[in-house]
Amino acid sequence: MVMGVVSVLHYGQSLILLLLTIVGGVAAVVALVHAISQRPDAFTAVDKQSKKFWVIVLALAAVFIWIFGAISLLGIIGIVAVLVYLVDVRPRVDSIQGRHWFRKS
């Protein structure tokens, strides 16, 4: 009976880690595609490093997340980089170009 509970908990933990890795990896790829598709001068116009910097950081983040998983040291560094881009850089780059992901009516 105890081994059954331990197996279920282990399976649940593995499933959660897999889902975190998939969500983090997809977010990293989406952020990378977004960064690649932007004009280089938009990044410097909003004082947020360069396009080359963000493309390299996001590419490394995607590799780290997919290879090492979301809950490893390198995976967590990758998740943080993706979150910084999606929460801070992407909205400013989009606003300087007059683009919005979620338009208010």
PDB file of N, CA and C in Angstrom:
ATOM      1  N   MET A   1       0.817  -1.202   0.000  1.00  0.00           N
ATOM      2  CA  MET A   1       0.000   0.000   0.000  1.00  0.00           C
ATOM      3  C   MET A   1       0.857   1.261   0.000  1.00  0.00           C
ATOM      4  N   VAL A   2       1.929   1.273   0.813  1.00  0.00           N
ATOM      5  CA  VAL A   2       2.784   2.453   0.880  1.00  0.00           C
ATOM      6  C   VAL A   2       3.517   2.659  -0.441  1.00  0.00           C
ATOM      7  N   MET A   3       3.990   1.588  -1.058  1.00  0.00           N
ATOM      8  CA  MET A   3       4.671   1.721  -2.342  1.00  0.00           C
ATOM      9  C   MET A   3       3.735   2.266  -3.408  1.00  0.00           C
ATOM     10  N   GLY A   4       2.465   1.940  -3.334  1.00  0.00           N
ATOM     11  CA  GLY A   4       1.504   2.465  -4.292  1.00  0.00           C
ATOM     12  C   GLY A   4       1.372   3.969  -4.178  1.00  0.00           C
ATOM     13  N   VAL A   5       1.330   4.476  -2.948  1.00  0.00           N
ATOM     14  CA  VAL A   5       1.225   5.915  -2.723  1.00  0.00           C
ATOM     15  C   VAL A   5       2.492   6.618  -3.200  1.00  0.00           C
ATOM     16  N   VAL A   6       3.645   6.026  -2.899  1.00  0.00           N
ATOM     17  CA  VAL A   6       4.918   6.613  -3.318  1.00  0.00           C
ATOM     18  C   VAL A   6       5.008   6.645  -4.840  1.00  0.00           C
ATOM     19  N   SER A   7       4.569   5.596  -5.492  1.00  0.00           N
ATOM     20  CA  SER A   7       4.607   5.554  -6.954  1.00  0.00           C
ATOM     21  C   SER A   7       3.703   6.620  -7.563  1.00  0.00           C
ATOM     22  N   VAL A   8       2.525   6.781  -6.992  1.00  0.00           N
ATOM     23  CA  VAL A   8       1.590   7.793  -7.489  1.00  0.00           C
ATOM     24  C   VAL A   8       2.170   9.193  -7.293  1.00  0.00           C
ATOM     25  N   LEU A   9       2.765   9.454  -6.128  1.00  0.00           N
ATOM     26  CA  LEU A   9       3.368  10.763  -5.874  1.00  0.00           C
ATOM     27  C   LEU A   9       4.537  11.026  -6.820  1.00  0.00           C
ATOM     28  N   HIS A  10       5.342   9.998  -7.058  1.00  0.00           N
ATOM     29  CA  HIS A  10       6.469  10.152  -7.979  1.00  0.00           C
ATOM     30  C   HIS A  10       5.972  10.423  -9.396  1.00  0.00           C
ATOM     31  N   TYR A  11       4.936   9.708  -9.815  1.00  0.00           N
ATOM     32  CA  TYR A  11       4.358   9.918 -11.138  1.00  0.00           C
ATOM     33  C   TYR A  11       3.800  11.333 -11.252  1.00  0.00           C
ATOM     34  N   GLY A  12       3.105  11.784 -10.210  1.00  0.00           N
ATOM     35  CA  GLY A  12       2.548  13.137 -10.213  1.00  0.00           C
ATOM     36  C   GLY A  12       3.628  14.199 -10.292  1.00  0.00           C
ATOM     37  N   GLN A  13       4.699  14.005  -9.530  1.00  0.00           N
ATOM     38  CA  GLN A  13       5.812  14.954  -9.554  1.00  0.00           C
ATOM     39  C   GLN A  13       6.465  14.980 -10.937  1.00  0.00           C
ATOM     40  N   SER A  14       6.666  13.823 -11.521  1.00  0.00           N
ATOM     41  CA  SER A  14       7.269  13.753 -12.855  1.00  0.00           C
ATOM     42  C   SER A  14       6.386  14.434 -13.893  1.00  0.00           C
ATOM     43  N   LEU A  15       5.080  14.252 -13.769  1.00  0.00           N
ATOM     44  CA  LEU A  15       4.150  14.876 -14.701  1.00  0.00           C
ATOM     45  C   LEU A  15       4.186  16.396 -14.579  1.00  0.00           C
ATOM     46  N   ILE A  16       4.230  16.906 -13.361  1.00  0.00           N
ATOM     47  CA  ILE A  16       4.306  18.357 -13.145  1.00  0.00           C
ATOM     48  C   ILE A  16       5.600  18.921 -13.726  1.00  0.00           C
ATOM     49  N   LEU A  17       6.718  18.247 -13.505  1.00  0.00           N
ATOM     50  CA  LEU A  17       7.994  18.713 -14.045  1.00  0.00           C
ATOM     51  C   LEU A  17       7.990  18.694 -15.574  1.00  0.00           C
ATOM     52  N   LEU A  18       7.380  17.668 -16.157  1.00  0.00           N
ATOM     53  CA  LEU A  18       7.276  17.594 -17.612  1.00  0.00           C
ATOM     54  C   LEU A  18       6.434  18.749 -18.152  1.00  0.00           C
ATOM     55  N   LEU A  19       5.307  19.027 -17.500  1.00  0.00           N
ATOM     56  CA  LEU A  19       4.446  20.129 -17.939  1.00  0.00           C
ATOM     57  C   LEU A  19       5.155  21.472 -17.818  1.00  0.00           C
ATOM     58  N   LEU A  20       5.897  21.677 -16.724  1.00  0.00           N
ATOM     59  CA  LEU A  20       6.656  22.920 -16.562  1.00  0.00           C
ATOM     60  C   LEU A  20       7.709  23.067 -17.657  1.00  0.00           C
ATOM     61  N   THR A  21       8.357  21.976 -18.000  1.00  0.00           N
ATOM     62  CA  THR A  21       9.368  22.016 -19.057  1.00  0.00           C
ATOM     63  C   THR A  21       8.731  22.327 -20.407  1.00  0.00           C
ATOM     64  N   ILE A  22       7.597  21.719 -20.694  1.00  0.00           N
ATOM     65  CA  ILE A  22       6.922  21.969 -21.969  1.00  0.00           C
ATOM     66  C   ILE A  22       6.451  23.418 -22.054  1.00  0.00           C
ATOM     67  N   VAL A  23       5.805  23.908 -21.003  1.00  0.00           N
ATOM     68  CA  VAL A  23       5.314  25.293 -21.005  1.00  0.00           C
ATOM     69  C   VAL A  23       6.482  26.273 -21.104  1.00  0.00           C
ATOM     70  N   GLY A  24       7.532  26.046 -20.327  1.00  0.00           N
ATOM     71  CA  GLY A  24       8.702  26.923 -20.379  1.00  0.00           C
ATOM     72  C   GLY A  24       9.396  26.882 -21.727  1.00  0.00           C
ATOM     73  N   GLY A  25       9.512  25.691 -22.299  1.00  0.00           N
ATOM     74  CA  GLY A  25      10.151  25.556 -23.603  1.00  0.00           C
ATOM     75  C   GLY A  25       9.363  26.225 -24.713  1.00  0.00           C
ATOM     76  N   VAL A  26       8.052  26.066 -24.684  1.00  0.00           N
ATOM     77  CA  VAL A  26       7.205  26.715 -25.691  1.00  0.00           C
ATOM     78  C   VAL A  26       7.272  28.235 -25.531  1.00  0.00           C
ATOM     79  N   ALA A  27       7.228  28.716 -24.291  1.00  0.00           N
ATOM     80  CA  ALA A  27       7.338  30.163 -24.049  1.00  0.00           C
ATOM     81  C   ALA A  27       8.674  30.699 -24.556  1.00  0.00           C
ATOM     82  N   ALA A  28       9.744  29.932 -24.368  1.00  0.00           N
ATOM     83  CA  ALA A  28      11.064  30.355 -24.843  1.00  0.00           C
ATOM     84  C   ALA A  28      11.099  30.438 -26.365  1.00  0.00           C
ATOM     85  N   VAL A  29      10.505  29.470 -27.029  1.00  0.00           N
ATOM     86  CA  VAL A  29      10.487  29.477 -28.496  1.00  0.00           C
ATOM     87  C   VAL A  29       9.629  30.633 -29.013  1.00  0.00           C
ATOM     88  N   VAL A  30       8.483  30.875 -28.373  1.00  0.00           N
ATOM     89  CA  VAL A  30       7.618  31.994 -28.769  1.00  0.00           C
ATOM     90  C   VAL A  30       8.357  33.319 -28.591  1.00  0.00           C
ATOM     91  N   ALA A  31       9.031  33.484 -27.458  1.00  0.00           N
ATOM     92  CA  ALA A  31       9.791  34.713 -27.211  1.00  0.00           C
ATOM     93  C   ALA A  31      10.920  34.864 -28.227  1.00  0.00           C
ATOM     94  N   LEU A  32      11.584  33.772 -28.553  1.00  0.00           N
ATOM     95  CA  LEU A  32      12.673  33.811 -29.532  1.00  0.00           C
ATOM     96  C   LEU A  32      12.156  34.213 -30.910  1.00  0.00           C
ATOM     97  N   VAL A  33      11.050  33.633 -31.335  1.00  0.00           N
ATOM     98  CA  VAL A  33      10.462  33.986 -32.633  1.00  0.00           C
ATOM     99  C   VAL A  33      10.062  35.460 -32.636  1.00  0.00           C
ATOM    100  N   HIS A  34       9.497  35.933 -31.530  1.00  0.00           N
ATOM    101  CA  HIS A  34       9.116  37.341 -31.435  1.00  0.00           C
ATOM    102  C   HIS A  34      10.343  38.236 -31.559  1.00  0.00           C
ATOM    103  N   ALA A  35      11.407  37.903 -30.848  1.00  0.00           N
ATOM    104  CA  ALA A  35      12.620  38.725 -30.885  1.00  0.00           C
ATOM    105  C   ALA A  35      13.233  38.744 -32.283  1.00  0.00           C
ATOM    106  N   ILE A  36      13.228  37.603 -32.948  1.00  0.00           N
ATOM    107  CA  ILE A  36      13.799  37.523 -34.296  1.00  0.00           C
ATOM    108  C   ILE A  36      13.000  38.375 -35.279  1.00  0.00           C
ATOM    109  N   SER A  37      11.689  38.452 -35.086  1.00  0.00           N
ATOM    110  CA  SER A  37      10.831  39.146 -36.050  1.00  0.00           C
ATOM    111  C   SER A  37      10.753  40.658 -35.832  1.00  0.00           C
ATOM    112  N   GLN A  38      11.448  41.191 -34.840  1.00  0.00           N
ATOM    113  CA  GLN A  38      11.399  42.628 -34.561  1.00  0.00           C
ATOM    114  C   GLN A  38      12.534  43.366 -35.261  1.00  0.00           C
ATOM    115  N   ARG A  39      12.332  44.664 -35.455  1.00  0.00           N
ATOM    116  CA  ARG A  39      13.388  45.505 -36.025  1.00  0.00           C
ATOM    117  C   ARG A  39      14.485  45.707 -34.989  1.00  0.00           C
ATOM    118  N   PRO A  40      15.747  45.715 -35.399  1.00  0.00           N
ATOM    119  CA  PRO A  40      16.847  45.897 -34.441  1.00  0.00           C
ATOM    120  C   PRO A  40      16.813  47.237 -33.718  1.00  0.00           C
ATOM    121  N   ASP A  41      16.371  48.296 -34.407  1.00  0.00           N
ATOM    122  CA  ASP A  41      16.370  49.612 -33.773  1.00  0.00           C
ATOM    123  C   ASP A  41      15.292  49.757 -32.703  1.00  0.00           C
ATOM    124  N   ALA A  42      14.302  48.869 -32.691  1.00  0.00           N
ATOM    125  CA  ALA A  42      13.249  48.947 -31.672  1.00  0.00           C
ATOM    126  C   ALA A  42      13.800  48.632 -30.285  1.00  0.00           C
ATOM    127  N   PHE A  43      14.758  47.738 -30.202  1.00  0.00           N
ATOM    128  CA  PHE A  43      15.333  47.373 -28.907  1.00  0.00           C
ATOM    129  C   PHE A  43      16.145  48.523 -28.326  1.00  0.00           C
ATOM    130  N   THR A  44      16.963  49.132 -29.157  1.00  0.00           N
ATOM    131  CA  THR A  44      17.776  50.242 -28.659  1.00  0.00           C
ATOM    132  C   THR A  44      16.927  51.478 -28.395  1.00  0.00           C
ATOM    133  N   ALA A  45      15.807  51.628 -29.106  1.00  0.00           N
ATOM    134  CA  ALA A  45      14.930  52.785 -28.887  1.00  0.00           C
ATOM    135  C   ALA A  45      14.284  52.752 -27.507  1.00  0.00           C
ATOM    136  N   VAL A  46      14.084  51.568 -26.966  1.00  0.00           N
ATOM    137  CA  VAL A  46      13.475  51.461 -25.629  1.00  0.00           C
ATOM    138  C   VAL A  46      14.518  51.133 -24.565  1.00  0.00           C
ATOM    139  N   ASP A  47      15.802  51.312 -24.904  1.00  0.00           N
ATOM    140  CA  ASP A  47      16.912  51.084 -23.959  1.00  0.00           C
ATOM    141  C   ASP A  47      16.900  49.682 -23.363  1.00  0.00           C
ATOM    142  N   LYS A  48      16.726  48.670 -24.187  1.00  0.00           N
ATOM    143  CA  LYS A  48      16.680  47.280 -23.723  1.00  0.00           C
ATOM    144  C   LYS A  48      17.679  46.413 -24.472  1.00  0.00           C
ATOM    145  N   GLN A  49      18.960  46.645 -24.271  1.00  0.00           N
ATOM    146  CA  GLN A  49      20.023  45.880 -24.925  1.00  0.00           C
ATOM    147  C   GLN A  49      19.845  45.917 -26.439  1.00  0.00           C
ATOM    148  N   SER A  50      20.394  44.952 -27.137  1.00  0.00           N
ATOM    149  CA  SER A  50      20.273  44.912 -28.593  1.00  0.00           C
ATOM    150  C   SER A  50      19.474  43.673 -29.000  1.00  0.00           C
ATOM    151  N   LYS A  51      19.055  43.678 -30.252  1.00  0.00           N
ATOM    152  CA  LYS A  51      18.322  42.522 -30.766  1.00  0.00           C
ATOM    153  C   LYS A  51      19.206  41.280 -30.715  1.00  0.00           C
ATOM    154  N   LYS A  52      20.469  41.429 -31.106  1.00  0.00           N
ATOM    155  CA  LYS A  52      21.396  40.296 -31.107  1.00  0.00           C
ATOM    156  C   LYS A  52      21.521  39.703 -29.703  1.00  0.00           C
ATOM    157  N   PHE A  53      21.634  40.559 -28.695  1.00  0.00           N
ATOM    158  CA  PHE A  53      21.734  40.104 -27.308  1.00  0.00           C
ATOM    159  C   PHE A  53      20.524  39.260 -26.929  1.00  0.00           C
ATOM    160  N   TRP A  54      19.317  39.763 -27.209  1.00  0.00           N
ATOM    161  CA  TRP A  54      18.106  39.045 -26.809  1.00  0.00           C
ATOM    162  C   TRP A  54      17.910  37.757 -27.599  1.00  0.00           C
ATOM    163  N   VAL A  55      18.272  37.756 -28.862  1.00  0.00           N
ATOM    164  CA  VAL A  55      18.150  36.522 -29.650  1.00  0.00           C
ATOM    165  C   VAL A  55      19.084  35.454 -29.096  1.00  0.00           C
ATOM    166  N   ILE A  56      20.313  35.830 -28.759  1.00  0.00           N
ATOM    167  CA  ILE A  56      21.257  34.862 -28.191  1.00  0.00           C
ATOM    168  C   ILE A  56      20.777  34.368 -26.831  1.00  0.00           C
ATOM    169  N   VAL A  57      20.350  35.291 -25.967  1.00  0.00           N
ATOM    170  CA  VAL A  57      19.879  34.910 -24.624  1.00  0.00           C
ATOM    171  C   VAL A  57      18.673  33.984 -24.720  1.00  0.00           C
ATOM    172  N   LEU A  58      17.720  34.313 -25.573  1.00  0.00           N
ATOM    173  CA  LEU A  58      16.514  33.489 -25.684  1.00  0.00           C
ATOM    174  C   LEU A  58      16.797  32.148 -26.355  1.00  0.00           C
ATOM    175  N   ALA A  59      17.715  32.110 -27.294  1.00  0.00           N
ATOM    176  CA  ALA A  59      18.092  30.831 -27.911  1.00  0.00           C
ATOM    177  C   ALA A  59      18.755  29.926 -26.876  1.00  0.00           C
ATOM    178  N   LEU A  60      19.665  30.485 -26.086  1.00  0.00           N
ATOM    179  CA  LEU A  60      20.290  29.698 -25.017  1.00  0.00           C
ATOM    180  C   LEU A  60      19.257  29.257 -23.985  1.00  0.00           C
ATOM    181  N   ALA A  61      18.323  30.142 -23.658  1.00  0.00           N
ATOM    182  CA  ALA A  61      17.276  29.790 -22.697  1.00  0.00           C
ATOM    183  C   ALA A  61      16.449  28.617 -23.209  1.00  0.00           C
ATOM    184  N   ALA A  62      16.076  28.649 -24.475  1.00  0.00           N
ATOM    185  CA  ALA A  62      15.292  27.549 -25.047  1.00  0.00           C
ATOM    186  C   ALA A  62      16.075  26.240 -24.999  1.00  0.00           C
ATOM    187  N   VAL A  63      17.347  26.298 -25.344  1.00  0.00           N
ATOM    188  CA  VAL A  63      18.187  25.092 -25.304  1.00  0.00           C
ATOM    189  C   VAL A  63      18.306  24.569 -23.876  1.00  0.00           C
ATOM    190  N   PHE A  64      18.575  25.464 -22.932  1.00  0.00           N
ATOM    191  CA  PHE A  64      18.712  25.048 -21.534  1.00  0.00           C
ATOM    192  C   PHE A  64      17.432  24.412 -21.010  1.00  0.00           C
ATOM    193  N   ILE A  65      16.296  25.009 -21.318  1.00  0.00           N
ATOM    194  CA  ILE A  65      15.021  24.485 -20.812  1.00  0.00           C
ATOM    195  C   ILE A  65      14.725  23.119 -21.426  1.00  0.00           C
ATOM    196  N   TRP A  66      14.892  22.993 -22.746  1.00  0.00           N
ATOM    197  CA  TRP A  66      14.554  21.728 -23.400  1.00  0.00           C
ATOM    198  C   TRP A  66      15.530  20.616 -23.061  1.00  0.00           C
ATOM    199  N   ILE A  67      16.806  20.933 -22.886  1.00  0.00           N
ATOM    200  CA  ILE A  67      17.793  19.880 -22.612  1.00  0.00           C
ATOM    201  C   ILE A  67      17.856  19.518 -21.134  1.00  0.00           C
ATOM    202  N   PHE A  68      17.923  20.530 -20.273  1.00  0.00           N
ATOM    203  CA  PHE A  68      18.127  20.269 -18.848  1.00  0.00           C
ATOM    204  C   PHE A  68      16.838  20.259 -18.031  1.00  0.00           C
ATOM    205  N   GLY A  69      15.728  20.683 -18.608  1.00  0.00           N
ATOM    206  CA  GLY A  69      14.466  20.729 -17.883  1.00  0.00           C
ATOM    207  C   GLY A  69      14.280  22.074 -17.199  1.00  0.00           C
ATOM    208  N   ALA A  70      13.040  22.365 -16.864  1.00  0.00           N
ATOM    209  CA  ALA A  70      12.715  23.670 -16.281  1.00  0.00           C
ATOM    210  C   ALA A  70      13.188  23.797 -14.840  1.00  0.00           C
ATOM    211  N   ILE A  71      13.337  22.683 -14.139  1.00  0.00           N
ATOM    212  CA  ILE A  71      13.711  22.737 -12.726  1.00  0.00           C
ATOM    213  C   ILE A  71      15.151  22.248 -12.544  1.00  0.00           C
ATOM    214  N   SER A  72      16.040  22.821 -13.323  1.00  0.00           N
ATOM    215  CA  SER A  72      17.480  22.638 -13.117  1.00  0.00           C
ATOM    216  C   SER A  72      18.050  24.045 -13.001  1.00  0.00           C
ATOM    217  N   LEU A  73      19.279  24.166 -12.588  1.00  0.00           N
ATOM    218  CA  LEU A  73      19.856  25.503 -12.434  1.00  0.00           C
ATOM    219  C   LEU A  73      19.830  26.265 -13.757  1.00  0.00           C
ATOM    220  N   LEU A  74      20.283  25.629 -14.827  1.00  0.00           N
ATOM    221  CA  LEU A  74      20.281  26.297 -16.127  1.00  0.00           C
ATOM    222  C   LEU A  74      18.862  26.510 -16.643  1.00  0.00           C
ATOM    223  N   GLY A  75      17.965  25.577 -16.353  1.00  0.00           N
ATOM    224  CA  GLY A  75      16.572  25.736 -16.754  1.00  0.00           C
ATOM    225  C   GLY A  75      15.909  26.912 -16.066  1.00  0.00           C
ATOM    226  N   ILE A  76      16.183  27.085 -14.785  1.00  0.00           N
ATOM    227  CA  ILE A  76      15.610  28.216 -14.046  1.00  0.00           C
ATOM    228  C   ILE A  76      16.174  29.531 -14.575  1.00  0.00           C
ATOM    229  N   ILE A  77      17.460  29.562 -14.886  1.00  0.00           N
ATOM    230  CA  ILE A  77      18.053  30.760 -15.491  1.00  0.00           C
ATOM    231  C   ILE A  77      17.363  31.060 -16.825  1.00  0.00           C
ATOM    232  N   GLY A  78      17.092  30.022 -17.609  1.00  0.00           N
ATOM    233  CA  GLY A  78      16.387  30.198 -18.874  1.00  0.00           C
ATOM    234  C   GLY A  78      14.973  30.715 -18.684  1.00  0.00           C
ATOM    235  N   ILE A  79      14.265  30.173 -17.701  1.00  0.00           N
ATOM    236  CA  ILE A  79      12.899  30.623 -17.413  1.00  0.00           C
ATOM    237  C   ILE A  79      12.900  32.095 -17.017  1.00  0.00           C
ATOM    238  N   VAL A  80      13.845  32.489 -16.170  1.00  0.00           N
ATOM    239  CA  VAL A  80      13.931  33.892 -15.743  1.00  0.00           C
ATOM    240  C   VAL A  80      14.194  34.797 -16.946  1.00  0.00           C
ATOM    241  N   ALA A  81      15.094  34.398 -17.836  1.00  0.00           N
ATOM    242  CA  ALA A  81      15.388  35.202 -19.026  1.00  0.00           C
ATOM    243  C   ALA A  81      14.148  35.350 -19.906  1.00  0.00           C
ATOM    244  N   VAL A  82      13.409  34.266 -20.089  1.00  0.00           N
ATOM    245  CA  VAL A  82      12.190  34.312 -20.902  1.00  0.00           C
ATOM    246  C   VAL A  82      11.150  35.217 -20.250  1.00  0.00           C
ATOM    247  N   LEU A  83      10.986  35.105 -18.937  1.00  0.00           N
ATOM    248  CA  LEU A  83      10.015  35.948 -18.241  1.00  0.00           C
ATOM    249  C   LEU A  83      10.386  37.425 -18.326  1.00  0.00           C
ATOM    250  N   VAL A  84      11.664  37.740 -18.183  1.00  0.00           N
ATOM    251  CA  VAL A  84      12.100  39.138 -18.306  1.00  0.00           C
ATOM    252  C   VAL A  84      11.767  39.660 -19.699  1.00  0.00           C
ATOM    253  N   TYR A  85      12.034  38.858 -20.716  1.00  0.00           N
ATOM    254  CA  TYR A  85      11.735  39.297 -22.077  1.00  0.00           C
ATOM    255  C   TYR A  85      10.231  39.489 -22.272  1.00  0.00           C
ATOM    256  N   LEU A  86       9.436  38.498 -21.874  1.00  0.00           N
ATOM    257  CA  LEU A  86       7.996  38.561 -22.129  1.00  0.00           C
ATOM    258  C   LEU A  86       7.285  39.637 -21.313  1.00  0.00           C
ATOM    259  N   VAL A  87       7.769  39.894 -20.105  1.00  0.00           N
ATOM    260  CA  VAL A  87       7.077  40.841 -19.226  1.00  0.00           C
ATOM    261  C   VAL A  87       7.599  42.269 -19.395  1.00  0.00           C
ATOM    262  N   ASP A  88       8.884  42.429 -19.659  1.00  0.00           N
ATOM    263  CA  ASP A  88       9.466  43.770 -19.695  1.00  0.00           C
ATOM    264  C   ASP A  88       9.822  44.235 -21.105  1.00  0.00           C
ATOM    265  N   VAL A  89      10.538  43.437 -21.850  1.00  0.00           N
ATOM    266  CA  VAL A  89      11.066  43.879 -23.142  1.00  0.00           C
ATOM    267  C   VAL A  89       9.999  43.838 -24.230  1.00  0.00           C
ATOM    268  N   ARG A  90       9.296  42.714 -24.370  1.00  0.00           N
ATOM    269  CA  ARG A  90       8.316  42.563 -25.449  1.00  0.00           C
ATOM    270  C   ARG A  90       7.260  43.664 -25.468  1.00  0.00           C
ATOM    271  N   PRO A  91       6.632  44.012 -24.326  1.00  0.00           N
ATOM    272  CA  PRO A  91       5.622  45.078 -24.392  1.00  0.00           C
ATOM    273  C   PRO A  91       6.194  46.421 -24.852  1.00  0.00           C
ATOM    274  N   ARG A  92       7.399  46.739 -24.437  1.00  0.00           N
ATOM    275  CA  ARG A  92       7.995  48.021 -24.836  1.00  0.00           C
ATOM    276  C   ARG A  92       8.380  48.025 -26.313  1.00  0.00           C
ATOM    277  N   VAL A  93       8.926  46.914 -26.778  1.00  0.00           N
ATOM    278  CA  VAL A  93       9.292  46.823 -28.193  1.00  0.00           C
ATOM    279  C   VAL A  93       8.038  46.888 -29.055  1.00  0.00           C
ATOM    280  N   ASP A  94       6.985  46.212 -28.634  1.00  0.00           N
ATOM    281  CA  ASP A  94       5.731  46.257 -29.390  1.00  0.00           C
ATOM    282  C   ASP A  94       5.120  47.651 -29.375  1.00  0.00           C
ATOM    283  N   SER A  95       5.148  48.318 -28.223  1.00  0.00           N
ATOM    284  CA  SER A  95       4.511  49.634 -28.135  1.00  0.00           C
ATOM    285  C   SER A  95       5.249  50.671 -28.976  1.00  0.00           C
ATOM    286  N   ILE A  96       6.561  50.574 -29.071  1.00  0.00           N
ATOM    287  CA  ILE A  96       7.316  51.545 -29.873  1.00  0.00           C
ATOM    288  C   ILE A  96       7.018  51.358 -31.361  1.00  0.00           C
ATOM    289  N   GLN A  97       6.602  50.148 -31.740  1.00  0.00           N
ATOM    290  CA  GLN A  97       6.267  49.867 -33.138  1.00  0.00           C
ATOM    291  C   GLN A  97       4.768  49.959 -33.397  1.00  0.00           C
ATOM    292  N   GLY A  98       3.998  50.310 -32.361  1.00  0.00           N
ATOM    293  CA  GLY A  98       2.553  50.448 -32.521  1.00  0.00           C
ATOM    294  C   GLY A  98       1.810  49.132 -32.573  1.00  0.00           C
ATOM    295  N   ARG A  99       2.410  48.071 -32.043  1.00  0.00           N
ATOM    296  CA  ARG A  99       1.761  46.751 -32.032  1.00  0.00           C
ATOM    297  C   ARG A  99       1.321  46.416 -30.617  1.00  0.00           C
ATOM    298  N   HIS A 100       0.233  45.668 -30.525  1.00  0.00           N
ATOM    299  CA  HIS A 100      -0.258  45.220 -29.223  1.00  0.00           C
ATOM    300  C   HIS A 100      -0.792  43.805 -29.375  1.00  0.00           C
ATOM    301  N   TRP A 101      -0.426  42.929 -28.434  1.00  0.00           N
ATOM    302  CA  TRP A 101      -0.939  41.559 -28.482  1.00  0.00           C
ATOM    303  C   TRP A 101      -2.390  41.508 -28.046  1.00  0.00           C
ATOM    304  N   PHE A 102      -2.720  42.292 -27.052  1.00  0.00           N
ATOM    305  CA  PHE A 102      -4.082  42.284 -26.511  1.00  0.00           C
ATOM    306  C   PHE A 102      -4.643  43.692 -26.632  1.00  0.00           C
ATOM    307  N   ARG A 103      -5.440  43.911 -27.652  1.00  0.00           N
ATOM    308  CA  ARG A 103      -6.007  45.246 -27.877  1.00  0.00           C
ATOM    309  C   ARG A 103      -7.218  45.458 -26.985  1.00  0.00           C
ATOM    310  N   LYS A 104      -7.303  46.655 -26.437  1.00  0.00           N
ATOM    311  CA  LYS A 104      -8.480  47.024 -25.646  1.00  0.00           C
ATOM    312  C   LYS A 104      -9.457  47.727 -26.568  1.00  0.00           C
ATOM    313  N   SER A 105     -10.697  47.288 -26.548  1.00  0.00           N
ATOM    314  CA  SER A 105     -11.709  47.876 -27.435  1.00  0.00           C
ATOM    315  C   SER A 105     -12.302  49.125 -26.851  1.00  0.00           C
TER     316      SER A 105
END
